[in-house]
PDB file of N, CA and C in Angstrom:
ATOM      1  N   MET A   1      -0.999  30.817   5.463  1.00  0.00           N
ATOM      2  CA  MET A   1      -1.667  29.856   4.596  1.00  0.00           C
ATOM      3  C   MET A   1      -0.666  28.789   4.165  1.00  0.00           C
ATOM      4  N   SER A   2      -1.027  27.535   4.330  1.00  0.00           N
ATOM      5  CA  SER A   2      -0.117  26.453   3.984  1.00  0.00           C
ATOM      6  C   SER A   2      -0.300  26.039   2.524  1.00  0.00           C
ATOM      7  N   THR A   3       0.788  25.564   1.964  1.00  0.00           N
ATOM      8  CA  THR A   3       0.767  25.097   0.582  1.00  0.00           C
ATOM      9  C   THR A   3       0.368  23.629   0.573  1.00  0.00           C
ATOM     10  N   GLN A   4      -0.560  23.268  -0.314  1.00  0.00           N
ATOM     11  CA  GLN A   4      -0.985  21.878  -0.398  1.00  0.00           C
ATOM     12  C   GLN A   4       0.040  21.065  -1.173  1.00  0.00           C
ATOM     13  N   ARG A   5       0.311  19.880  -0.671  1.00  0.00           N
ATOM     14  CA  ARG A   5       1.191  18.960  -1.383  1.00  0.00           C
ATOM     15  C   ARG A   5       0.382  18.303  -2.491  1.00  0.00           C
ATOM     16  N   LEU A   6       0.997  18.180  -3.647  1.00  0.00           N
ATOM     17  CA  LEU A   6       0.346  17.538  -4.781  1.00  0.00           C
ATOM     18  C   LEU A   6       1.134  16.306  -5.181  1.00  0.00           C
ATOM     19  N   THR A   7       0.429  15.322  -5.700  1.00  0.00           N
ATOM     20  CA  THR A   7       1.040  14.069  -6.127  1.00  0.00           C
ATOM     21  C   THR A   7       0.457  13.679  -7.470  1.00  0.00           C
ATOM     22  N   GLN A   8       1.324  13.180  -8.339  1.00  0.00           N
ATOM     23  CA  GLN A   8       0.866  12.711  -9.642  1.00  0.00           C
ATOM     24  C   GLN A   8       0.783  11.183  -9.602  1.00  0.00           C
ATOM     25  N   VAL A   9      -0.335  10.646 -10.058  1.00  0.00           N
ATOM     26  CA  VAL A   9      -0.540   9.197 -10.104  1.00  0.00           C
ATOM     27  C   VAL A   9       0.009   8.688 -11.434  1.00  0.00           C
ATOM     28  N   GLU A  10       0.668   7.553 -11.393  1.00  0.00           N
ATOM     29  CA  GLU A  10       1.280   6.993 -12.594  1.00  0.00           C
ATOM     30  C   GLU A  10       0.241   6.777 -13.697  1.00  0.00           C
ATOM     31  N   PRO A  11       0.589   7.119 -14.933  1.00  0.00           N
ATOM     32  CA  PRO A  11      -0.344   6.947 -16.057  1.00  0.00           C
ATOM     33  C   PRO A  11      -0.857   5.519 -16.213  1.00  0.00           C
ATOM     34  N   ALA A  12      -0.026   4.531 -15.918  1.00  0.00           N
ATOM     35  CA  ALA A  12      -0.462   3.129 -16.042  1.00  0.00           C
ATOM     36  C   ALA A  12      -1.595   2.821 -15.068  1.00  0.00           C
ATOM     37  N   VAL A  13      -1.535   3.414 -13.874  1.00  0.00           N
ATOM     38  CA  VAL A  13      -2.587   3.205 -12.878  1.00  0.00           C
ATOM     39  C   VAL A  13      -3.877   3.864 -13.345  1.00  0.00           C
ATOM     40  N   VAL A  14      -3.765   5.081 -13.872  1.00  0.00           N
ATOM     41  CA  VAL A  14      -4.947   5.794 -14.370  1.00  0.00           C
ATOM     42  C   VAL A  14      -5.564   5.032 -15.536  1.00  0.00           C
ATOM     43  N   HIS A  15      -4.723   4.496 -16.414  1.00  0.00           N
ATOM     44  CA  HIS A  15      -5.225   3.715 -17.556  1.00  0.00           C
ATOM     45  C   HIS A  15      -5.982   2.469 -17.073  1.00  0.00           C
ATOM     46  N   LYS A  16      -5.443   1.805 -16.072  1.00  0.00           N
ATOM     47  CA  LYS A  16      -6.110   0.613 -15.517  1.00  0.00           C
ATOM     48  C   LYS A  16      -7.453   1.006 -14.893  1.00  0.00           C
ATOM     49  N   MET A  17      -7.476   2.133 -14.182  1.00  0.00           N
ATOM     50  CA  MET A  17      -8.723   2.614 -13.586  1.00  0.00           C
ATOM     51  C   MET A  17      -9.756   2.897 -14.676  1.00  0.00           C
ATOM     52  N   ALA A  18      -9.326   3.567 -15.738  1.00  0.00           N
ATOM     53  CA  ALA A  18     -10.237   3.912 -16.830  1.00  0.00           C
ATOM     54  C   ALA A  18     -10.834   2.661 -17.471  1.00  0.00           C
ATOM     55  N   SER A  19     -10.034   1.611 -17.579  1.00  0.00           N
ATOM     56  CA  SER A  19     -10.529   0.371 -18.197  1.00  0.00           C
ATOM     57  C   SER A  19     -11.575  -0.326 -17.332  1.00  0.00           C
ATOM     58  N   MET A  20     -11.615   0.003 -16.049  1.00  0.00           N
ATOM     59  CA  MET A  20     -12.571  -0.624 -15.132  1.00  0.00           C
ATOM     60  C   MET A  20     -13.931   0.071 -15.122  1.00  0.00           C
ATOM     61  N   LEU A  21     -13.978   1.320 -15.559  1.00  0.00           N
ATOM     62  CA  LEU A  21     -15.220   2.090 -15.483  1.00  0.00           C
ATOM     63  C   LEU A  21     -16.197   1.696 -16.585  1.00  0.00           C
ATOM     64  N   LYS A  22     -17.454   1.548 -16.196  1.00  0.00           N
ATOM     65  CA  LYS A  22     -18.502   1.253 -17.171  1.00  0.00           C
ATOM     66  C   LYS A  22     -19.002   2.525 -17.829  1.00  0.00           C
ATOM     67  N   SER A  23     -18.858   3.659 -17.139  1.00  0.00           N
ATOM     68  CA  SER A  23     -19.222   4.962 -17.690  1.00  0.00           C
ATOM     69  C   SER A  23     -18.445   6.038 -16.948  1.00  0.00           C
ATOM     70  N   GLN A  24     -18.510   7.259 -17.455  1.00  0.00           N
ATOM     71  CA  GLN A  24     -17.803   8.384 -16.864  1.00  0.00           C
ATOM     72  C   GLN A  24     -18.723   9.222 -15.965  1.00  0.00           C
ATOM     73  N   LYS A  25     -19.849   8.665 -15.571  1.00  0.00           N
ATOM     74  CA  LYS A  25     -20.788   9.405 -14.732  1.00  0.00           C
ATOM     75  C   LYS A  25     -20.193   9.605 -13.340  1.00  0.00           C
ATOM     76  N   PRO A  26     -20.437  10.777 -12.756  1.00  0.00           N
ATOM     77  CA  PRO A  26     -19.859  11.074 -11.427  1.00  0.00           C
ATOM     78  C   PRO A  26     -20.175  10.016 -10.374  1.00  0.00           C
ATOM     79  N   GLU A  27     -21.395   9.498 -10.369  1.00  0.00           N
ATOM     80  CA  GLU A  27     -21.739   8.511  -9.335  1.00  0.00           C
ATOM     81  C   GLU A  27     -20.994   7.190  -9.533  1.00  0.00           C
ATOM     82  N   VAL A  28     -20.685   6.836 -10.776  1.00  0.00           N
ATOM     83  CA  VAL A  28     -19.929   5.615 -11.057  1.00  0.00           C
ATOM     84  C   VAL A  28     -18.483   5.788 -10.599  1.00  0.00           C
ATOM     85  N   ILE A  29     -17.914   6.944 -10.882  1.00  0.00           N
ATOM     86  CA  ILE A  29     -16.541   7.237 -10.474  1.00  0.00           C
ATOM     87  C   ILE A  29     -16.438   7.254  -8.945  1.00  0.00           C
ATOM     88  N   GLN A  30     -17.397   7.897  -8.287  1.00  0.00           N
ATOM     89  CA  GLN A  30     -17.400   7.976  -6.824  1.00  0.00           C
ATOM     90  C   GLN A  30     -17.531   6.592  -6.203  1.00  0.00           C
ATOM     91  N   THR A  31     -18.440   5.797  -6.716  1.00  0.00           N
ATOM     92  CA  THR A  31     -18.648   4.453  -6.173  1.00  0.00           C
ATOM     93  C   THR A  31     -17.442   3.549  -6.420  1.00  0.00           C
ATOM     94  N   SER A  32     -16.847   3.669  -7.593  1.00  0.00           N
ATOM     95  CA  SER A  32     -15.724   2.798  -7.960  1.00  0.00           C
ATOM     96  C   SER A  32     -14.437   3.151  -7.231  1.00  0.00           C
ATOM     97  N   PHE A  33     -14.133   4.455  -7.130  1.00  0.00           N
ATOM     98  CA  PHE A  33     -12.828   4.866  -6.631  1.00  0.00           C
ATOM     99  C   PHE A  33     -12.865   5.805  -5.432  1.00  0.00           C
ATOM    100  N   GLY A  34     -14.021   6.310  -5.062  1.00  0.00           N
ATOM    101  CA  GLY A  34     -14.109   7.218  -3.926  1.00  0.00           C
ATOM    102  C   GLY A  34     -13.559   8.599  -4.220  1.00  0.00           C
ATOM    103  N   ILE A  35     -13.566   8.987  -5.492  1.00  0.00           N
ATOM    104  CA  ILE A  35     -13.102  10.324  -5.872  1.00  0.00           C
ATOM    105  C   ILE A  35     -14.189  11.023  -6.678  1.00  0.00           C
ATOM    106  N   GLY A  36     -14.106  12.334  -6.737  1.00  0.00           N
ATOM    107  CA  GLY A  36     -15.073  13.109  -7.488  1.00  0.00           C
ATOM    108  C   GLY A  36     -14.686  13.250  -8.954  1.00  0.00           C
ATOM    109  N   LEU A  37     -15.616  13.772  -9.721  1.00  0.00           N
ATOM    110  CA  LEU A  37     -15.413  13.948 -11.152  1.00  0.00           C
ATOM    111  C   LEU A  37     -14.232  14.882 -11.437  1.00  0.00           C
ATOM    112  N   ASN A  38     -14.109  15.984 -10.701  1.00  0.00           N
ATOM    113  CA  ASN A  38     -12.998  16.916 -10.936  1.00  0.00           C
ATOM    114  C   ASN A  38     -11.649  16.242 -10.725  1.00  0.00           C
ATOM    115  N   THR A  39     -11.539  15.405  -9.706  1.00  0.00           N
ATOM    116  CA  THR A  39     -10.292  14.678  -9.461  1.00  0.00           C
ATOM    117  C   THR A  39     -10.035  13.695 -10.584  1.00  0.00           C
ATOM    118  N   TRP A  40     -11.070  13.020 -11.052  1.00  0.00           N
ATOM    119  CA  TRP A  40     -10.930  12.061 -12.143  1.00  0.00           C
ATOM    120  C   TRP A  40     -10.446  12.750 -13.423  1.00  0.00           C
ATOM    121  N   VAL A  41     -10.997  13.916 -13.704  1.00  0.00           N
ATOM    122  CA  VAL A  41     -10.574  14.668 -14.889  1.00  0.00           C
ATOM    123  C   VAL A  41      -9.089  15.031 -14.778  1.00  0.00           C
ATOM    124  N   LYS A  42      -8.665  15.480 -13.598  1.00  0.00           N
ATOM    125  CA  LYS A  42      -7.250  15.809 -13.406  1.00  0.00           C
ATOM    126  C   LYS A  42      -6.371  14.581 -13.636  1.00  0.00           C
ATOM    127  N   LEU A  43      -6.790  13.437 -13.099  1.00  0.00           N
ATOM    128  CA  LEU A  43      -6.019  12.210 -13.290  1.00  0.00           C
ATOM    129  C   LEU A  43      -5.907  11.852 -14.769  1.00  0.00           C
ATOM    130  N   ARG A  44      -7.023  11.914 -15.478  1.00  0.00           N
ATOM    131  CA  ARG A  44      -7.028  11.582 -16.913  1.00  0.00           C
ATOM    132  C   ARG A  44      -6.129  12.508 -17.708  1.00  0.00           C
ATOM    133  N   GLU A  45      -6.054  13.764 -17.289  1.00  0.00           N
ATOM    134  CA  GLU A  45      -5.224  14.753 -17.988  1.00  0.00           C
ATOM    135  C   GLU A  45      -3.758  14.711 -17.554  1.00  0.00           C
ATOM    136  N   GLY A  46      -3.428  13.810 -16.635  1.00  0.00           N
ATOM    137  CA  GLY A  46      -2.053  13.680 -16.176  1.00  0.00           C
ATOM    138  C   GLY A  46      -1.630  14.740 -15.182  1.00  0.00           C
ATOM    139  N   LYS A  47      -2.604  15.424 -14.581  1.00  0.00           N
ATOM    140  CA  LYS A  47      -2.301  16.475 -13.616  1.00  0.00           C
ATOM    141  C   LYS A  47      -2.180  15.896 -12.212  1.00  0.00           C
ATOM    142  N   ALA A  48      -1.493  16.631 -11.367  1.00  0.00           N
ATOM    143  CA  ALA A  48      -1.326  16.221  -9.973  1.00  0.00           C
ATOM    144  C   ALA A  48      -2.618  16.496  -9.199  1.00  0.00           C
ATOM    145  N   ILE A  49      -2.846  15.677  -8.172  1.00  0.00           N
ATOM    146  CA  ILE A  49      -4.000  15.850  -7.277  1.00  0.00           C
ATOM    147  C   ILE A  49      -3.467  16.009  -5.858  1.00  0.00           C
ATOM    148  N   ARG A  50      -4.353  16.409  -4.945  1.00  0.00           N
ATOM    149  CA  ARG A  50      -3.933  16.559  -3.544  1.00  0.00           C
ATOM    150  C   ARG A  50      -3.304  15.258  -3.051  1.00  0.00           C
ATOM    151  N   HIS A  51      -2.222  15.404  -2.327  1.00  0.00           N
ATOM    152  CA  HIS A  51      -1.481  14.242  -1.840  1.00  0.00           C
ATOM    153  C   HIS A  51      -2.369  13.322  -0.997  1.00  0.00           C
ATOM    154  N   SER A  52      -3.164  13.907  -0.108  1.00  0.00           N
ATOM    155  CA  SER A  52      -4.012  13.089   0.770  1.00  0.00           C
ATOM    156  C   SER A  52      -5.025  12.283  -0.038  1.00  0.00           C
ATOM    157  N   VAL A  53      -5.533  12.860  -1.108  1.00  0.00           N
ATOM    158  CA  VAL A  53      -6.490  12.149  -1.968  1.00  0.00           C
ATOM    159  C   VAL A  53      -5.769  11.026  -2.711  1.00  0.00           C
ATOM    160  N   ALA A  54      -4.569  11.299  -3.200  1.00  0.00           N
ATOM    161  CA  ALA A  54      -3.798  10.283  -3.917  1.00  0.00           C
ATOM    162  C   ALA A  54      -3.476   9.096  -3.011  1.00  0.00           C
ATOM    163  N   VAL A  55      -3.083   9.386  -1.774  1.00  0.00           N
ATOM    164  CA  VAL A  55      -2.768   8.306  -0.825  1.00  0.00           C
ATOM    165  C   VAL A  55      -4.004   7.450  -0.582  1.00  0.00           C
ATOM    166  N   ARG A  56      -5.139   8.092  -0.312  1.00  0.00           N
ATOM    167  CA  ARG A  56      -6.378   7.364  -0.059  1.00  0.00           C
ATOM    168  C   ARG A  56      -6.788   6.536  -1.279  1.00  0.00           C
ATOM    169  N   LEU A  57      -6.665   7.116  -2.462  1.00  0.00           N
ATOM    170  CA  LEU A  57      -7.020   6.415  -3.699  1.00  0.00           C
ATOM    171  C   LEU A  57      -6.134   5.193  -3.906  1.00  0.00           C
ATOM    172  N   LEU A  58      -4.832   5.357  -3.762  1.00  0.00           N
ATOM    173  CA  LEU A  58      -3.917   4.232  -3.977  1.00  0.00           C
ATOM    174  C   LEU A  58      -4.128   3.138  -2.938  1.00  0.00           C
ATOM    175  N   GLN A  59      -4.425   3.519  -1.706  1.00  0.00           N
ATOM    176  CA  GLN A  59      -4.727   2.509  -0.680  1.00  0.00           C
ATOM    177  C   GLN A  59      -5.976   1.726  -1.056  1.00  0.00           C
ATOM    178  N   ARG A  60      -6.989   2.430  -1.550  1.00  0.00           N
ATOM    179  CA  ARG A  60      -8.225   1.765  -1.948  1.00  0.00           C
ATOM    180  C   ARG A  60      -7.977   0.820  -3.121  1.00  0.00           C
ATOM    181  N   LEU A  61      -7.186   1.262  -4.091  1.00  0.00           N
ATOM    182  CA  LEU A  61      -6.891   0.420  -5.250  1.00  0.00           C
ATOM    183  C   LEU A  61      -6.107  -0.821  -4.836  1.00  0.00           C
ATOM    184  N   GLN A  62      -5.171  -0.680  -3.895  1.00  0.00           N
ATOM    185  CA  GLN A  62      -4.426  -1.837  -3.396  1.00  0.00           C
ATOM    186  C   GLN A  62      -5.343  -2.786  -2.632  1.00  0.00           C
ATOM    187  N   ARG A  63      -6.203  -2.211  -1.799  1.00  0.00           N
ATOM    188  CA  ARG A  63      -7.135  -3.033  -1.018  1.00  0.00           C
ATOM    189  C   ARG A  63      -8.042  -3.851  -1.942  1.00  0.00           C
ATOM    190  N   ASP A  64      -8.494  -3.204  -3.024  1.00  0.00           N
ATOM    191  CA  ASP A  64      -9.377  -3.878  -3.980  1.00  0.00           C
ATOM    192  C   ASP A  64      -8.598  -4.694  -5.016  1.00  0.00           C
ATOM    193  N   GLN A  65      -7.279  -4.748  -4.833  1.00  0.00           N
ATOM    194  CA  GLN A  65      -6.374  -5.512  -5.706  1.00  0.00           C
ATOM    195  C   GLN A  65      -6.478  -5.080  -7.166  1.00  0.00           C
ATOM    196  N   VAL A  66      -6.595  -3.779  -7.373  1.00  0.00           N
ATOM    197  CA  VAL A  66      -6.600  -3.236  -8.723  1.00  0.00           C
ATOM    198  C   VAL A  66      -5.170  -3.015  -9.194  1.00  0.00           C
ATOM    199  N   ILE A  67      -4.302  -2.599  -8.234  1.00  0.00           N
ATOM    200  CA  ILE A  67      -2.898  -2.378  -8.580  1.00  0.00           C
ATOM    201  C   ILE A  67      -2.016  -3.258  -7.726  1.00  0.00           C
TER     202      ILE A  67
END
């Protein structure tokens, strides 16, 4: 069994993401950032998320010129 790599997203990035959301509903989070509610909760709490998810999220934020 392989160990999953985890990555922590910078708090400033999470704060910027939070300021963009109109609500905390799962469908709004999914549409805005392409992540699920559980991942969003981990980000808000300052916890690490799967590395592959973090990479995809940061690429999306850069593409959308959020960060």
